[in-house]
Amino acid sequence: MAPWIELSLRSARMPEPVERNLSRERRRHGSVLALSLLVVVCALLLEVQDGQRIAFRFLPDWPLPESCLSRRMFHFACPGCGMTRSLVHVFHGEWSAAWRMHRLGWLVALLIVAQIPDRTLALLLDRQPL
């Protein structure tokens, strides 16, 4: 056999079966849907205390530790600082407080909430997300 034919046969890959691609897409849709729902539920269960710390509503005496590494180690805010607090405020309907924490919090919240119907329809109708 000619060397160029042998090389082309080795480098050629068979396409994955359609069923395998669909199951991978369904898992991805399901994962994004579950993560979006988890973010919304957690944001509803959390509250911002004193404008800085976050705690679960049912455990107000146990605030969560700071999650921003640059703020903890270098004592300055990174571009994402305030996003979690902003999301918590948005999901509680506190728009002005959300804007003060981070100006893009409403946009991230909108993108998260938009994933829920989109991924649900993608799972139900076996289609690509929007």
Protein backbone atom coordinates (compact mmCIF):
# COMPACT_ATOMS: atom_id res chain seq x y z
CA MET A 1 0.00 0.00 0.00
CA ALA A 2 1.27 3.49 -0.80
CA PRO A 3 2.55 5.43 2.23
CA TRP A 4 0.22 8.39 1.63
CA ILE A 5 -2.83 6.08 1.60
CA GLU A 6 -1.70 4.40 4.80
CA LEU A 7 -1.15 7.78 6.47
CA SER A 8 -4.58 9.03 5.42
CA LEU A 9 -6.25 5.87 6.73
CA ARG A 10 -4.56 6.28 10.12
CA SER A 11 -5.51 9.93 10.46
CA ALA A 12 -9.15 9.42 9.40
CA ARG A 13 -11.58 9.15 12.30
CA MET A 14 -15.01 7.70 12.22
CA PRO A 15 -17.75 10.16 13.21
CA GLU A 16 -19.44 9.51 16.51
CA PRO A 17 -22.84 7.84 16.35
CA VAL A 18 -25.78 10.23 16.42
CA GLU A 19 -27.15 8.65 19.61
CA ARG A 20 -23.89 9.32 21.43
CA ASN A 21 -23.86 12.98 20.32
CA LEU A 22 -27.46 13.42 21.45
CA SER A 23 -26.80 11.91 24.86
CA ARG A 24 -23.76 14.16 25.32
CA GLU A 25 -25.86 17.21 24.39
CA ARG A 26 -28.66 16.11 26.71
CA ARG A 27 -26.19 15.74 29.58
CA ARG A 28 -24.82 19.21 28.86
CA HIS A 29 -28.33 20.71 28.74
CA GLY A 30 -29.21 18.94 31.97
CA SER A 31 -26.03 20.11 33.67
CA VAL A 32 -26.52 23.74 32.68
CA LEU A 33 -30.19 23.59 33.70
CA ALA A 34 -29.33 22.09 37.10
CA LEU A 35 -26.57 24.65 37.69
CA SER A 36 -28.87 27.54 36.74
CA LEU A 37 -31.58 26.30 39.09
CA LEU A 38 -29.02 25.82 41.86
CA VAL A 39 -27.78 29.41 41.47
CA VAL A 40 -31.33 30.79 41.64
CA VAL A 41 -32.27 28.69 44.68
CA CYS A 42 -29.04 29.57 46.51
CA ALA A 43 -29.49 33.27 45.74
CA LEU A 44 -32.99 33.10 47.21
CA LEU A 45 -31.72 31.33 50.34
CA LEU A 46 -28.88 33.79 50.92
CA GLU A 47 -28.97 37.32 52.30
CA VAL A 48 -26.45 40.14 52.33
CA GLN A 49 -25.51 41.28 55.83
CA ASP A 50 -24.14 44.78 56.46
CA GLY A 51 -23.53 45.21 52.75
CA GLN A 52 -20.46 42.94 52.77
CA ARG A 53 -20.99 39.42 54.10
CA ILE A 54 -23.38 36.77 52.83
CA ALA A 55 -25.17 34.23 55.02
CA PHE A 56 -28.01 31.79 54.67
CA ARG A 57 -31.30 33.28 55.86
CA PHE A 58 -31.77 30.48 58.36
CA LEU A 59 -28.16 30.80 59.69
CA PRO A 60 -27.62 34.56 60.06
CA ASP A 61 -24.93 34.15 62.74
CA TRP A 62 -22.75 32.04 60.40
CA PRO A 63 -21.74 34.19 57.40
CA LEU A 64 -19.96 32.52 54.51
CA PRO A 65 -16.24 33.21 54.10
CA GLU A 66 -15.09 35.67 51.47
CA SER A 67 -14.75 33.93 48.14
CA CYS A 68 -12.56 36.53 46.40
CA LEU A 69 -8.95 35.49 46.66
CA SER A 70 -7.55 38.87 45.59
CA ARG A 71 -9.64 40.67 48.18
CA ARG A 72 -8.59 38.27 50.92
CA MET A 73 -4.88 38.17 50.07
CA PHE A 74 -4.13 41.58 48.54
CA HIS A 75 -6.92 43.68 50.10
CA PHE A 76 -8.24 45.13 46.84
CA ALA A 77 -11.31 44.33 44.81
CA CYS A 78 -11.09 42.40 41.55
CA PRO A 79 -13.45 43.16 38.60
CA GLY A 80 -15.82 40.41 39.75
CA CYS A 81 -16.03 41.53 43.38
CA GLY A 82 -19.61 42.15 44.38
CA MET A 83 -21.15 39.89 41.73
CA THR A 84 -22.48 37.33 44.23
CA ARG A 85 -23.93 40.04 46.46
CA SER A 86 -25.42 41.72 43.41
CA LEU A 87 -27.06 38.46 42.29
CA VAL A 88 -28.52 37.94 45.77
CA HIS A 89 -29.95 41.47 45.70
CA VAL A 90 -31.36 41.00 42.17
CA PHE A 91 -33.15 37.77 43.09
CA HIS A 92 -34.62 39.51 46.13
CA GLY A 93 -35.82 42.42 43.98
CA GLU A 94 -33.47 44.97 45.55
CA TRP A 95 -32.40 46.66 42.29
CA SER A 96 -30.59 49.71 43.63
CA ALA A 97 -28.56 47.63 46.11
CA ALA A 98 -27.70 45.21 43.30
CA TRP A 99 -26.52 48.11 41.13
CA ARG A 100 -24.32 49.44 43.96
CA MET A 101 -22.68 46.02 44.48
CA HIS A 102 -21.91 45.35 40.80
CA ARG A 103 -23.28 47.05 37.72
CA LEU A 104 -23.45 43.84 35.67
CA GLY A 105 -25.28 41.74 38.26
CA TRP A 106 -28.64 42.22 36.58
CA LEU A 107 -27.21 41.05 33.25
CA VAL A 108 -25.69 37.90 34.75
CA ALA A 109 -28.97 37.20 36.55
CA LEU A 110 -30.84 37.60 33.26
CA LEU A 111 -28.48 35.18 31.51
CA ILE A 112 -28.87 32.63 34.30
CA VAL A 113 -32.66 32.87 34.33
CA ALA A 114 -32.78 32.69 30.51
CA GLN A 115 -31.01 29.33 30.65
CA ILE A 116 -33.90 27.71 32.52
CA PRO A 117 -36.61 27.81 29.81
CA ASP A 118 -34.06 27.48 27.00
CA ARG A 119 -32.39 24.34 28.38
CA THR A 120 -35.74 22.87 29.45
CA LEU A 121 -37.07 23.23 25.90
CA ALA A 122 -33.81 21.85 24.50
CA LEU A 123 -34.23 18.76 26.67
CA LEU A 124 -37.91 18.34 25.86
CA LEU A 125 -37.59 18.92 22.11
CA ASP A 126 -34.09 17.48 21.54
CA ARG A 127 -32.81 20.65 19.93
CA GLN A 128 -29.83 22.98 20.13
CA PRO A 129 -30.09 25.83 22.68
CA LEU A 130 -30.69 29.37 21.44
